[in-house]
Amino acid sequence: MKRDTLKKIFRFCLLTLFVTFMALYISQSTGYVEYENRKQVALTESQIKKFESDVAAGKKVDVENYLKTNEKNYQNGISKMGLKISNVTKSGVEKVVETSFKFLAKLAE
């Protein structure tokens, strides 16, 4: 019974990893990332043209009006807590690895 459950979990994890890999591979091979980067460049070029035309027209220019980012802030209490847990885990793992390597170095002497 336990073995069957472990097999199901393993298969689910393997399938999830495969689907994730395929999604990333397809997005890379179809040029989605390059397309998004080109859109950002086009936005930047249009902002530069707008800035130059406003300067030429003698309008009051504020740099913040031309540096708009499309990044959305999705942070909430749960994600902040998850980030803190991740950072604590990271520092703990780093300490364990460093201590292990120091111990192994002493054994090798």
C-alpha atoms as a PDB file:
ATOM      1  CA  MET A   1       0.000   0.000   0.000  1.00  0.00           C
ATOM      2  CA  LYS A   2       2.736   2.449   0.988  1.00  0.00           C
ATOM      3  CA  ARG A   3       4.786   1.475  -2.045  1.00  0.00           C
ATOM      4  CA  ASP A   4       1.845   2.184  -4.380  1.00  0.00           C
ATOM      5  CA  THR A   5       1.356   5.601  -2.818  1.00  0.00           C
ATOM      6  CA  LEU A   6       5.041   6.419  -3.272  1.00  0.00           C
ATOM      7  CA  LYS A   7       4.867   5.292  -6.903  1.00  0.00           C
ATOM      8  CA  LYS A   8       1.887   7.577  -7.526  1.00  0.00           C
ATOM      9  CA  ILE A   9       3.628  10.530  -5.897  1.00  0.00           C
ATOM     10  CA  PHE A  10       6.801   9.862  -7.899  1.00  0.00           C
ATOM     11  CA  ARG A  11       4.863   9.602 -11.156  1.00  0.00           C
ATOM     12  CA  PHE A  12       2.960  12.801 -10.393  1.00  0.00           C
ATOM     13  CA  CYS A  13       6.207  14.670  -9.645  1.00  0.00           C
ATOM     14  CA  LEU A  14       7.834  13.288 -12.770  1.00  0.00           C
ATOM     15  CA  LEU A  15       4.841  14.245 -14.892  1.00  0.00           C
ATOM     16  CA  THR A  16       4.775  17.727 -13.390  1.00  0.00           C
ATOM     17  CA  LEU A  17       8.466  18.220 -14.124  1.00  0.00           C
ATOM     18  CA  PHE A  18       7.992  16.962 -17.678  1.00  0.00           C
ATOM     19  CA  VAL A  19       5.044  19.270 -18.352  1.00  0.00           C
ATOM     20  CA  THR A  20       6.974  22.226 -16.906  1.00  0.00           C
ATOM     21  CA  PHE A  21       9.991  21.390 -19.039  1.00  0.00           C
ATOM     22  CA  MET A  22       7.881  21.100 -22.175  1.00  0.00           C
ATOM     23  CA  ALA A  23       6.130  24.406 -21.499  1.00  0.00           C
ATOM     24  CA  LEU A  24       9.460  26.183 -21.037  1.00  0.00           C
ATOM     25  CA  TYR A  25      10.967  24.467 -24.059  1.00  0.00           C
ATOM     26  CA  ILE A  26       8.033  25.364 -26.297  1.00  0.00           C
ATOM     27  CA  SER A  27       7.977  28.972 -25.107  1.00  0.00           C
ATOM     28  CA  GLN A  28      11.697  29.248 -25.794  1.00  0.00           C
ATOM     29  CA  SER A  29      11.546  27.531 -29.176  1.00  0.00           C
ATOM     30  CA  THR A  30       8.614  29.619 -30.394  1.00  0.00           C
ATOM     31  CA  GLY A  31      10.393  32.823 -29.466  1.00  0.00           C
ATOM     32  CA  TYR A  32       7.971  34.005 -26.804  1.00  0.00           C
ATOM     33  CA  VAL A  33      10.717  35.467 -24.620  1.00  0.00           C
ATOM     34  CA  GLU A  34      12.284  37.309 -27.551  1.00  0.00           C
ATOM     35  CA  TYR A  35       8.864  38.629 -28.527  1.00  0.00           C
ATOM     36  CA  GLU A  36       8.273  39.995 -25.022  1.00  0.00           C
ATOM     37  CA  ASN A  37      11.730  41.599 -25.035  1.00  0.00           C
ATOM     38  CA  ARG A  38      11.054  43.212 -28.408  1.00  0.00           C
ATOM     39  CA  LYS A  39       7.764  44.600 -27.115  1.00  0.00           C
ATOM     40  CA  GLN A  40       9.663  46.164 -24.214  1.00  0.00           C
ATOM     41  CA  VAL A  41      12.230  47.659 -26.631  1.00  0.00           C
ATOM     42  CA  ALA A  42       9.420  49.030 -28.790  1.00  0.00           C
ATOM     43  CA  LEU A  43       7.834  50.565 -25.710  1.00  0.00           C
ATOM     44  CA  THR A  44      11.165  52.095 -24.768  1.00  0.00           C
ATOM     45  CA  GLU A  45      11.663  53.515 -28.265  1.00  0.00           C
ATOM     46  CA  SER A  46       8.177  55.026 -28.233  1.00  0.00           C
ATOM     47  CA  GLN A  47       8.844  56.549 -24.810  1.00  0.00           C
ATOM     48  CA  ILE A  48      12.104  58.064 -26.137  1.00  0.00           C
ATOM     49  CA  LYS A  49      10.268  59.582 -29.112  1.00  0.00           C
ATOM     50  CA  LYS A  50       7.582  60.951 -26.796  1.00  0.00           C
ATOM     51  CA  PHE A  51      10.254  62.414 -24.515  1.00  0.00           C
ATOM     52  CA  GLU A  52      12.083  64.043 -27.446  1.00  0.00           C
ATOM     53  CA  SER A  53       8.889  65.527 -28.835  1.00  0.00           C
ATOM     54  CA  ASP A  54       7.941  66.933 -25.411  1.00  0.00           C
ATOM     55  CA  VAL A  55      11.398  68.496 -25.015  1.00  0.00           C
ATOM     56  CA  ALA A  56      11.195  69.971 -28.516  1.00  0.00           C
ATOM     57  CA  ALA A  57       7.745  71.379 -27.738  1.00  0.00           C
ATOM     58  CA  GLY A  58       9.083  72.965 -24.532  1.00  0.00           C
ATOM     59  CA  LYS A  59       6.767  71.064 -22.229  1.00  0.00           C
ATOM     60  CA  LYS A  60       7.641  70.453 -18.602  1.00  0.00           C
ATOM     61  CA  VAL A  61       9.469  67.111 -18.560  1.00  0.00           C
ATOM     62  CA  ASP A  62       9.379  64.675 -15.665  1.00  0.00           C
ATOM     63  CA  VAL A  63      11.479  61.555 -16.133  1.00  0.00           C
ATOM     64  CA  GLU A  64       9.036  59.429 -14.108  1.00  0.00           C
ATOM     65  CA  ASN A  65       6.409  59.918 -16.810  1.00  0.00           C
ATOM     66  CA  TYR A  66       8.638  58.163 -19.331  1.00  0.00           C
ATOM     67  CA  LEU A  67       9.999  55.360 -17.154  1.00  0.00           C
ATOM     68  CA  LYS A  68       6.763  53.542 -16.531  1.00  0.00           C
ATOM     69  CA  THR A  69       7.171  49.891 -15.711  1.00  0.00           C
ATOM     70  CA  ASN A  70       4.556  47.238 -16.238  1.00  0.00           C
ATOM     71  CA  GLU A  71       5.589  45.253 -13.201  1.00  0.00           C
ATOM     72  CA  LYS A  72       2.790  44.392 -10.856  1.00  0.00           C
ATOM     73  CA  ASN A  73       3.334  43.846  -7.175  1.00  0.00           C
ATOM     74  CA  TYR A  74       1.788  40.549  -6.186  1.00  0.00           C
ATOM     75  CA  GLN A  75       3.169  40.477  -2.665  1.00  0.00           C
ATOM     76  CA  ASN A  76       0.857  39.794   0.211  1.00  0.00           C
ATOM     77  CA  GLY A  77       1.267  38.505   3.740  1.00  0.00           C
ATOM     78  CA  ILE A  78       1.510  34.871   2.714  1.00  0.00           C
ATOM     79  CA  SER A  79       4.118  35.474   0.009  1.00  0.00           C
ATOM     80  CA  LYS A  80       6.192  37.621   2.378  1.00  0.00           C
ATOM     81  CA  MET A  81       6.046  34.869   4.988  1.00  0.00           C
ATOM     82  CA  GLY A  82       7.049  32.312   2.356  1.00  0.00           C
ATOM     83  CA  LEU A  83      10.005  34.479   1.355  1.00  0.00           C
ATOM     84  CA  LYS A  84      11.124  34.767   4.972  1.00  0.00           C
ATOM     85  CA  ILE A  85      10.860  30.998   5.448  1.00  0.00           C
ATOM     86  CA  SER A  86      12.811  30.482   2.235  1.00  0.00           C
ATOM     87  CA  ASN A  87      15.563  32.845   3.363  1.00  0.00           C
ATOM     88  CA  VAL A  88      15.833  31.168   6.773  1.00  0.00           C
ATOM     89  CA  THR A  89      15.961  27.748   5.121  1.00  0.00           C
ATOM     90  CA  LYS A  90      18.616  28.977   2.696  1.00  0.00           C
ATOM     91  CA  SER A  91      20.838  30.302   5.465  1.00  0.00           C
ATOM     92  CA  GLY A  92      20.393  27.085   7.456  1.00  0.00           C
ATOM     93  CA  VAL A  93      21.319  24.909   4.498  1.00  0.00           C
ATOM     94  CA  GLU A  94      24.348  27.105   3.750  1.00  0.00           C
ATOM     95  CA  LYS A  95      25.559  26.740   7.335  1.00  0.00           C
ATOM     96  CA  VAL A  96      25.100  22.962   7.261  1.00  0.00           C
ATOM     97  CA  VAL A  97      26.979  22.655   3.961  1.00  0.00           C
ATOM     98  CA  GLU A  98      29.808  24.910   5.141  1.00  0.00           C
ATOM     99  CA  THR A  99      30.131  22.981   8.404  1.00  0.00           C
ATOM    100  CA  SER A 100      30.090  19.667   6.538  1.00  0.00           C
ATOM    101  CA  PHE A 101      32.844  20.766   4.170  1.00  0.00           C
ATOM    102  CA  LYS A 102      34.946  22.098   7.041  1.00  0.00           C
ATOM    103  CA  PHE A 103      34.525  18.765   8.818  1.00  0.00           C
ATOM    104  CA  LEU A 104      35.465  16.846   5.662  1.00  0.00           C
ATOM    105  CA  ALA A 105      38.506  19.092   5.176  1.00  0.00           C
ATOM    106  CA  LYS A 106      39.655  18.316   8.704  1.00  0.00           C
ATOM    107  CA  LEU A 107      39.214  14.597   8.070  1.00  0.00           C
ATOM    108  CA  ALA A 108      41.240  14.856   4.878  1.00  0.00           C
ATOM    109  CA  GLU A 109      44.211  16.451   6.674  1.00  0.00           C
END
